[in-house]
Amino acid sequence: FEIPLKGSFSAAAEVSCIYPEKKETAFTVNGNCL
């Protein structure tokens, strides 16, 4: 699922899954898209 990150979040410095922390979560950030 592609989620556009608009405005200041389009150049996000850090993306983390804060819940649940220890369970595997697959995600990538490419430019303005999570």
PDB file of all heavy atoms in Angstrom:
ATOM      1  N   PHE A   1       0.858  -1.187   0.000  1.00  0.00           N
ATOM      2  CA  PHE A   1       0.000   0.000   0.000  1.00  0.00           C
ATOM      3  C   PHE A   1       0.888   1.229   0.000  1.00  0.00           C
ATOM      4  O   PHE A   1       1.746   1.381   0.875  1.00  0.00           O
ATOM      5  CB  PHE A   1      -0.876  -0.035   1.260  1.00  0.00           C
ATOM      6  CG  PHE A   1      -1.858   1.094   1.388  1.00  0.00           C
ATOM      7  CD1 PHE A   1      -2.632   1.501   0.314  1.00  0.00           C
ATOM      8  CD2 PHE A   1      -2.035   1.734   2.612  1.00  0.00           C
ATOM      9  CE1 PHE A   1      -3.562   2.518   0.453  1.00  0.00           C
ATOM     10  CE2 PHE A   1      -2.957   2.745   2.762  1.00  0.00           C
ATOM     11  CZ  PHE A   1      -3.729   3.149   1.682  1.00  0.00           C
ATOM     12  N   GLU A   2       0.719   2.104  -0.978  1.00  0.00           N
ATOM     13  CA  GLU A   2       1.518   3.314  -1.079  1.00  0.00           C
ATOM     14  C   GLU A   2       0.775   4.490  -0.440  1.00  0.00           C
ATOM     15  O   GLU A   2      -0.382   4.763  -0.765  1.00  0.00           O
ATOM     16  CB  GLU A   2       1.835   3.626  -2.543  1.00  0.00           C
ATOM     17  CG  GLU A   2       2.765   2.610  -3.193  1.00  0.00           C
ATOM     18  CD  GLU A   2       3.181   3.030  -4.585  1.00  0.00           C
ATOM     19  OE1 GLU A   2       2.632   4.044  -5.089  1.00  0.00           O
ATOM     20  OE2 GLU A   2       4.065   2.365  -5.156  1.00  0.00           O
ATOM     21  N   ILE A   3       1.473   5.185   0.455  1.00  0.00           N
ATOM     22  CA  ILE A   3       0.888   6.305   1.180  1.00  0.00           C
ATOM     23  C   ILE A   3       1.714   7.546   0.883  1.00  0.00           C
ATOM     24  O   ILE A   3       2.891   7.618   1.250  1.00  0.00           O
ATOM     25  CB  ILE A   3       0.872   6.029   2.697  1.00  0.00           C
ATOM     26  CG1 ILE A   3       0.129   4.724   2.994  1.00  0.00           C
ATOM     27  CG2 ILE A   3       0.250   7.190   3.459  1.00  0.00           C
ATOM     28  CD1 ILE A   3       0.295   4.234   4.409  1.00  0.00           C
ATOM     29  N   PRO A   4       1.147   8.552   0.222  1.00  0.00           N
ATOM     30  CA  PRO A   4       1.906   9.767  -0.069  1.00  0.00           C
ATOM     31  C   PRO A   4       2.164  10.579   1.195  1.00  0.00           C
ATOM     32  O   PRO A   4       1.279  10.756   2.026  1.00  0.00           O
ATOM     33  CB  PRO A   4       0.998  10.527  -1.038  1.00  0.00           C
ATOM     34  CG  PRO A   4      -0.378  10.037  -0.739  1.00  0.00           C
ATOM     35  CD  PRO A   4      -0.226   8.606  -0.314  1.00  0.00           C
ATOM     36  N   LEU A   5       3.388  11.029   1.349  1.00  0.00           N
ATOM     37  CA  LEU A   5       3.756  11.877   2.481  1.00  0.00           C
ATOM     38  C   LEU A   5       3.868  13.304   1.964  1.00  0.00           C
ATOM     39  O   LEU A   5       4.788  13.638   1.232  1.00  0.00           O
ATOM     40  CB  LEU A   5       5.077  11.409   3.088  1.00  0.00           C
ATOM     41  CG  LEU A   5       5.096   9.965   3.580  1.00  0.00           C
ATOM     42  CD1 LEU A   5       6.476   9.591   4.075  1.00  0.00           C
ATOM     43  CD2 LEU A   5       4.056   9.752   4.682  1.00  0.00           C
ATOM     44  N   LYS A   6       2.934  14.146   2.339  1.00  0.00           N
ATOM     45  CA  LYS A   6       2.840  15.484   1.767  1.00  0.00           C
ATOM     46  C   LYS A   6       3.509  16.520   2.657  1.00  0.00           C
ATOM     47  O   LYS A   6       3.733  16.299   3.840  1.00  0.00           O
ATOM     48  CB  LYS A   6       1.364  15.841   1.552  1.00  0.00           C
ATOM     49  CG  LYS A   6       0.648  14.908   0.603  1.00  0.00           C
ATOM     50  CD  LYS A   6      -0.817  15.264   0.469  1.00  0.00           C
ATOM     51  CE  LYS A   6      -1.539  14.293  -0.473  1.00  0.00           C
ATOM     52  NZ  LYS A   6      -2.982  14.604  -0.597  1.00  0.00           N
ATOM     53  N   GLY A   7       3.799  17.661   2.077  1.00  0.00           N
ATOM     54  CA  GLY A   7       4.367  18.773   2.824  1.00  0.00           C
ATOM     55  C   GLY A   7       5.734  18.443   3.383  1.00  0.00           C
ATOM     56  O   GLY A   7       6.571  17.815   2.733  1.00  0.00           O
ATOM     57  N   SER A   8       5.963  18.853   4.622  1.00  0.00           N
ATOM     58  CA  SER A   8       7.277  18.655   5.237  1.00  0.00           C
ATOM     59  C   SER A   8       7.593  17.186   5.442  1.00  0.00           C
ATOM     60  O   SER A   8       8.755  16.805   5.584  1.00  0.00           O
ATOM     61  CB  SER A   8       7.334  19.386   6.583  1.00  0.00           C
ATOM     62  OG  SER A   8       6.331  18.911   7.457  1.00  0.00           O
ATOM     63  N   PHE A   9       6.574  16.324   5.426  1.00  0.00           N
ATOM     64  CA  PHE A   9       6.807  14.902   5.646  1.00  0.00           C
ATOM     65  C   PHE A   9       7.241  14.179   4.374  1.00  0.00           C
ATOM     66  O   PHE A   9       7.561  12.996   4.410  1.00  0.00           O
ATOM     67  CB  PHE A   9       5.555  14.252   6.239  1.00  0.00           C
ATOM     68  CG  PHE A   9       5.251  14.728   7.627  1.00  0.00           C
ATOM     69  CD1 PHE A   9       4.333  15.744   7.825  1.00  0.00           C
ATOM     70  CD2 PHE A   9       5.908  14.203   8.718  1.00  0.00           C
ATOM     71  CE1 PHE A   9       4.055  16.206   9.100  1.00  0.00           C
ATOM     72  CE2 PHE A   9       5.642  14.663   9.999  1.00  0.00           C
ATOM     73  CZ  PHE A   9       4.711  15.675  10.190  1.00  0.00           C
ATOM     74  N   SER A  10       7.236  14.870   3.252  1.00  0.00           N
ATOM     75  CA  SER A  10       7.686  14.236   2.018  1.00  0.00           C
ATOM     76  C   SER A  10       9.189  14.010   2.013  1.00  0.00           C
ATOM     77  O   SER A  10       9.710  13.258   1.209  1.00  0.00           O
ATOM     78  CB  SER A  10       7.292  15.099   0.807  1.00  0.00           C
ATOM     79  OG  SER A  10       7.917  16.366   0.872  1.00  0.00           O
ATOM     80  N   ALA A  11       9.898  14.678   2.915  1.00  0.00           N
ATOM     81  CA  ALA A  11      11.341  14.441   3.058  1.00  0.00           C
ATOM     82  C   ALA A  11      11.606  13.911   4.459  1.00  0.00           C
ATOM     83  O   ALA A  11      12.469  14.391   5.179  1.00  0.00           O
ATOM     84  CB  ALA A  11      12.110  15.731   2.816  1.00  0.00           C
ATOM     85  N   ALA A  12      10.838  12.928   4.854  1.00  0.00           N
ATOM     86  CA  ALA A  12      10.920  12.400   6.211  1.00  0.00           C
ATOM     87  C   ALA A  12      12.299  11.850   6.509  1.00  0.00           C
ATOM     88  O   ALA A  12      12.870  11.107   5.720  1.00  0.00           O
ATOM     89  CB  ALA A  12       9.878  11.303   6.412  1.00  0.00           C
ATOM     90  N   ALA A  13      12.838  12.245   7.653  1.00  0.00           N
ATOM     91  CA  ALA A  13      14.156  11.774   8.045  1.00  0.00           C
ATOM     92  C   ALA A  13      14.090  10.409   8.706  1.00  0.00           C
ATOM     93  O   ALA A  13      15.027   9.632   8.637  1.00  0.00           O
ATOM     94  CB  ALA A  13      14.811  12.778   8.989  1.00  0.00           C
ATOM     95  N   GLU A  14      12.980  10.114   9.354  1.00  0.00           N
ATOM     96  CA  GLU A  14      12.916   8.882  10.122  1.00  0.00           C
ATOM     97  C   GLU A  14      11.493   8.350  10.135  1.00  0.00           C
ATOM     98  O   GLU A  14      10.545   9.077  10.442  1.00  0.00           O
ATOM     99  CB  GLU A  14      13.386   9.130  11.563  1.00  0.00           C
ATOM    100  CG  GLU A  14      13.406   7.890  12.425  1.00  0.00           C
ATOM    101  CD  GLU A  14      13.893   8.173  13.832  1.00  0.00           C
ATOM    102  OE1 GLU A  14      14.404   9.290  14.062  1.00  0.00           O
ATOM    103  OE2 GLU A  14      13.752   7.286  14.690  1.00  0.00           O
ATOM    104  N   VAL A  15      11.337   7.096   9.779  1.00  0.00           N
ATOM    105  CA  VAL A  15      10.052   6.404   9.853  1.00  0.00           C
ATOM    106  C   VAL A  15      10.252   5.149  10.674  1.00  0.00           C
ATOM    107  O   VAL A  15      11.167   4.364  10.412  1.00  0.00           O
ATOM    108  CB  VAL A  15       9.509   6.035   8.458  1.00  0.00           C
ATOM    109  CG1 VAL A  15       8.181   5.281   8.591  1.00  0.00           C
ATOM    110  CG2 VAL A  15       9.332   7.275   7.598  1.00  0.00           C
ATOM    111  N   SER A  16       9.402   4.960  11.684  1.00  0.00           N
ATOM    112  CA  SER A  16       9.529   3.765  12.523  1.00  0.00           C
ATOM    113  C   SER A  16       8.147   3.236  12.863  1.00  0.00           C
ATOM    114  O   SER A  16       7.172   3.997  12.953  1.00  0.00           O
ATOM    115  CB  SER A  16      10.294   4.086  13.814  1.00  0.00           C
ATOM    116  OG  SER A  16       9.653   5.118  14.554  1.00  0.00           O
ATOM    117  N   CYS A  17       8.051   1.943  13.033  1.00  0.00           N
ATOM    118  CA  CYS A  17       6.821   1.316  13.509  1.00  0.00           C
ATOM    119  C   CYS A  17       6.888   1.308  15.031  1.00  0.00           C
ATOM    120  O   CYS A  17       7.711   0.602  15.613  1.00  0.00           O
ATOM    121  CB  CYS A  17       6.683  -0.100  12.958  1.00  0.00           C
ATOM    122  SG  CYS A  17       5.177  -0.944  13.511  1.00  0.00           S
ATOM    123  N   ILE A  18       6.044   2.097  15.666  1.00  0.00           N
ATOM    124  CA  ILE A  18       6.097   2.202  17.126  1.00  0.00           C
ATOM    125  C   ILE A  18       5.150   1.238  17.828  1.00  0.00           C
ATOM    126  O   ILE A  18       5.251   1.048  19.036  1.00  0.00           O
ATOM    127  CB  ILE A  18       5.832   3.641  17.598  1.00  0.00           C
ATOM    128  CG1 ILE A  18       4.452   4.133  17.137  1.00  0.00           C
ATOM    129  CG2 ILE A  18       6.930   4.573  17.103  1.00  0.00           C
ATOM    130  CD1 ILE A  18       4.075   5.477  17.735  1.00  0.00           C
ATOM    131  N   TYR A  19       4.225   0.620  17.060  1.00  0.00           N
ATOM    132  CA  TYR A  19       3.392  -0.430  17.646  1.00  0.00           C
ATOM    133  C   TYR A  19       2.942  -1.368  16.544  1.00  0.00           C
ATOM    134  O   TYR A  19       2.374  -0.914  15.544  1.00  0.00           O
ATOM    135  CB  TYR A  19       2.186   0.143  18.371  1.00  0.00           C
ATOM    136  CG  TYR A  19       1.294  -0.964  18.912  1.00  0.00           C
ATOM    137  CD1 TYR A  19       1.653  -1.636  20.079  1.00  0.00           C
ATOM    138  CD2 TYR A  19       0.148  -1.354  18.235  1.00  0.00           C
ATOM    139  CE1 TYR A  19       0.862  -2.674  20.558  1.00  0.00           C
ATOM    140  CE2 TYR A  19      -0.643  -2.384  18.704  1.00  0.00           C
ATOM    141  CZ  TYR A  19      -0.278  -3.043  19.864  1.00  0.00           C
ATOM    142  OH  TYR A  19      -1.044  -4.081  20.335  1.00  0.00           O
ATOM    143  N   PRO A  20       3.187  -2.691  16.724  1.00  0.00           N
ATOM    144  CA  PRO A  20       4.035  -3.271  17.772  1.00  0.00           C
ATOM    145  C   PRO A  20       5.511  -3.124  17.382  1.00  0.00           C
ATOM    146  O   PRO A  20       5.850  -3.188  16.197  1.00  0.00           O
ATOM    147  CB  PRO A  20       3.604  -4.733  17.791  1.00  0.00           C
ATOM    148  CG  PRO A  20       3.172  -5.006  16.378  1.00  0.00           C
ATOM    149  CD  PRO A  20       2.576  -3.733  15.862  1.00  0.00           C
ATOM    150  N   GLU A  21       6.368  -2.976  18.336  1.00  0.00           N
ATOM    151  CA  GLU A  21       7.775  -2.705  18.050  1.00  0.00           C
ATOM    152  C   GLU A  21       8.548  -3.938  17.600  1.00  0.00           C
ATOM    153  O   GLU A  21       9.417  -3.859  16.730  1.00  0.00           O
ATOM    154  CB  GLU A  21       8.458  -2.100  19.287  1.00  0.00           C
ATOM    155  CG  GLU A  21       8.096  -0.656  19.532  1.00  0.00           C
ATOM    156  CD  GLU A  21       8.952  -0.027  20.603  1.00  0.00           C
ATOM    157  OE1 GLU A  21       9.184  -0.679  21.650  1.00  0.00           O
ATOM    158  OE2 GLU A  21       9.406   1.110  20.398  1.00  0.00           O
ATOM    159  N   LYS A  22       8.258  -5.089  18.173  1.00  0.00           N
ATOM    160  CA  LYS A  22       9.094  -6.267  17.946  1.00  0.00           C
ATOM    161  C   LYS A  22       8.551  -7.196  16.866  1.00  0.00           C
ATOM    162  O   LYS A  22       9.245  -8.125  16.462  1.00  0.00           O
ATOM    163  CB  LYS A  22       9.268  -7.042  19.254  1.00  0.00           C
ATOM    164  CG  LYS A  22      10.012  -6.239  20.327  1.00  0.00           C
ATOM    165  CD  LYS A  22      10.192  -7.044  21.598  1.00  0.00           C
ATOM    166  CE  LYS A  22      10.932  -6.242  22.651  1.00  0.00           C
ATOM    167  NZ  LYS A  22      11.110  -6.995  23.915  1.00  0.00           N
ATOM    168  N   LYS A  23       7.357  -6.971  16.400  1.00  0.00           N
ATOM    169  CA  LYS A  23       6.797  -7.840  15.368  1.00  0.00           C
ATOM    170  C   LYS A  23       7.220  -7.330  13.999  1.00  0.00           C
ATOM    171  O   LYS A  23       7.245  -6.122  13.758  1.00  0.00           O
ATOM    172  CB  LYS A  23       5.269  -7.868  15.477  1.00  0.00           C
ATOM    173  CG  LYS A  23       4.631  -9.053  14.775  1.00  0.00           C
ATOM    174  CD  LYS A  23       3.169  -9.171  15.160  1.00  0.00           C
ATOM    175  CE  LYS A  23       2.504 -10.361  14.490  1.00  0.00           C
ATOM    176  NZ  LYS A  23       3.067 -11.637  14.924  1.00  0.00           N
ATOM    177  N   GLU A  24       7.549  -8.215  13.101  1.00  0.00           N
ATOM    178  CA  GLU A  24       8.079  -7.826  11.791  1.00  0.00           C
ATOM    179  C   GLU A  24       7.072  -6.993  11.015  1.00  0.00           C
ATOM    180  O   GLU A  24       5.890  -7.339  10.899  1.00  0.00           O
ATOM    181  CB  GLU A  24       8.438  -9.074  10.986  1.00  0.00           C
ATOM    182  CG  GLU A  24       9.035  -8.764   9.623  1.00  0.00           C
ATOM    183  CD  GLU A  24       9.420 -10.017   8.872  1.00  0.00           C
ATOM    184  OE1 GLU A  24       9.325 -11.117   9.449  1.00  0.00           O
ATOM    185  OE2 GLU A  24       9.808  -9.888   7.694  1.00  0.00           O
ATOM    186  N   THR A  25       7.533  -5.880  10.483  1.00  0.00           N
ATOM    187  CA  THR A  25       6.701  -4.987   9.670  1.00  0.00           C
ATOM    188  C   THR A  25       7.502  -4.555   8.454  1.00  0.00           C
ATOM    189  O   THR A  25       8.577  -3.969   8.589  1.00  0.00           O
ATOM    190  CB  THR A  25       6.265  -3.752  10.475  1.00  0.00           C
ATOM    191  OG1 THR A  25       5.564  -4.171  11.654  1.00  0.00           O
ATOM    192  CG2 THR A  25       5.356  -2.853   9.639  1.00  0.00           C
ATOM    193  N   ALA A  26       6.996  -4.843   7.257  1.00  0.00           N
ATOM    194  CA  ALA A  26       7.707  -4.521   6.018  1.00  0.00           C
ATOM    195  C   ALA A  26       7.241  -3.167   5.496  1.00  0.00           C
ATOM    196  O   ALA A  26       6.060  -2.969   5.192  1.00  0.00           O
ATOM    197  CB  ALA A  26       7.447  -5.606   4.973  1.00  0.00           C
ATOM    198  N   PHE A  27       8.186  -2.218   5.411  1.00  0.00           N
ATOM    199  CA  PHE A  27       7.852  -0.916   4.835  1.00  0.00           C
ATOM    200  C   PHE A  27       9.117  -0.281   4.280  1.00  0.00           C
ATOM    201  O   PHE A  27      10.236  -0.579   4.705  1.00  0.00           O
ATOM    202  CB  PHE A  27       7.217   0.002   5.887  1.00  0.00           C
ATOM    203  CG  PHE A  27       8.132   0.420   6.999  1.00  0.00           C
ATOM    204  CD1 PHE A  27       8.873   1.601   6.911  1.00  0.00           C
ATOM    205  CD2 PHE A  27       8.257  -0.354   8.145  1.00  0.00           C
ATOM    206  CE1 PHE A  27       9.710   1.996   7.938  1.00  0.00           C
ATOM    207  CE2 PHE A  27       9.096   0.029   9.184  1.00  0.00           C
ATOM    208  CZ  PHE A  27       9.829   1.212   9.080  1.00  0.00           C
ATOM    209  N   THR A  28       8.921   0.593   3.285  1.00  0.00           N
ATOM    210  CA  THR A  28      10.031   1.326   2.693  1.00  0.00           C
ATOM    211  C   THR A  28       9.600   2.774   2.482  1.00  0.00           C
ATOM    212  O   THR A  28       8.410   3.075   2.355  1.00  0.00           O
ATOM    213  CB  THR A  28      10.449   0.734   1.335  1.00  0.00           C
ATOM    214  OG1 THR A  28       9.331   0.757   0.447  1.00  0.00           O
ATOM    215  CG2 THR A  28      10.954  -0.691   1.493  1.00  0.00           C
ATOM    216  N   VAL A  29      10.593   3.675   2.455  1.00  0.00           N
ATOM    217  CA  VAL A  29      10.339   5.087   2.169  1.00  0.00           C
ATOM    218  C   VAL A  29      11.140   5.463   0.932  1.00  0.00           C
ATOM    219  O   VAL A  29      12.351   5.258   0.877  1.00  0.00           O
ATOM    220  CB  VAL A  29      10.741   5.982   3.358  1.00  0.00           C
ATOM    221  CG1 VAL A  29      10.461   7.451   3.030  1.00  0.00           C
ATOM    222  CG2 VAL A  29      10.004   5.567   4.624  1.00  0.00           C
ATOM    223  N   ASN A  30      10.447   5.999  -0.058  1.00  0.00           N
ATOM    224  CA  ASN A  30      11.107   6.417  -1.296  1.00  0.00           C
ATOM    225  C   ASN A  30      10.598   7.805  -1.662  1.00  0.00           C
ATOM    226  O   ASN A  30       9.475   7.958  -2.153  1.00  0.00           O
ATOM    227  CB  ASN A  30      10.816   5.424  -2.415  1.00  0.00           C
ATOM    228  CG  ASN A  30      11.552   5.775  -3.696  1.00  0.00           C
ATOM    229  OD1 ASN A  30      12.437   6.627  -3.710  1.00  0.00           O
ATOM    230  ND2 ASN A  30      11.181   5.111  -4.787  1.00  0.00           N
ATOM    231  N   GLY A  31      11.414   8.811  -1.382  1.00  0.00           N
ATOM    232  CA  GLY A  31      10.998  10.175  -1.672  1.00  0.00           C
ATOM    233  C   GLY A  31       9.809  10.583  -0.837  1.00  0.00           C
ATOM    234  O   GLY A  31       9.866  10.603   0.394  1.00  0.00           O
ATOM    235  N   ASN A  32       8.703  10.867  -1.508  1.00  0.00           N
ATOM    236  CA  ASN A  32       7.514  11.328  -0.796  1.00  0.00           C
ATOM    237  C   ASN A  32       6.476  10.230  -0.638  1.00  0.00           C
ATOM    238  O   ASN A  32       5.279  10.502  -0.526  1.00  0.00           O
ATOM    239  CB  ASN A  32       6.878  12.517  -1.530  1.00  0.00           C
ATOM    240  CG  ASN A  32       6.378  12.128  -2.909  1.00  0.00           C
ATOM    241  OD1 ASN A  32       6.701  11.056  -3.420  1.00  0.00           O
ATOM    242  ND2 ASN A  32       5.582  13.006  -3.502  1.00  0.00           N
ATOM    243  N   CYS A  33       6.908   8.985  -0.608  1.00  0.00           N
ATOM    244  CA  CYS A  33       5.966   7.865  -0.544  1.00  0.00           C
ATOM    245  C   CYS A  33       6.425   6.831   0.484  1.00  0.00           C
ATOM    246  O   CYS A  33       7.582   6.404   0.482  1.00  0.00           O
ATOM    247  CB  CYS A  33       5.835   7.218  -1.922  1.00  0.00           C
ATOM    248  SG  CYS A  33       4.565   5.948  -2.005  1.00  0.00           S
ATOM    249  N   LEU A  34       5.518   6.440   1.355  1.00  0.00           N
ATOM    250  CA  LEU A  34       5.729   5.342   2.293  1.00  0.00           C
ATOM    251  C   LEU A  34       4.972   4.126   1.763  1.00  0.00           C
ATOM    252  O   LEU A  34       3.758   4.204   1.528  1.00  0.00           O
ATOM    253  CB  LEU A  34       5.213   5.713   3.675  1.00  0.00           C
ATOM    254  CG  LEU A  34       5.126   4.587   4.714  1.00  0.00           C
ATOM    255  CD1 LEU A  34       6.511   4.047   5.058  1.00  0.00           C
ATOM    256  CD2 LEU A  34       4.412   5.069   5.976  1.00  0.00           C
TER     257      LEU A  34
END
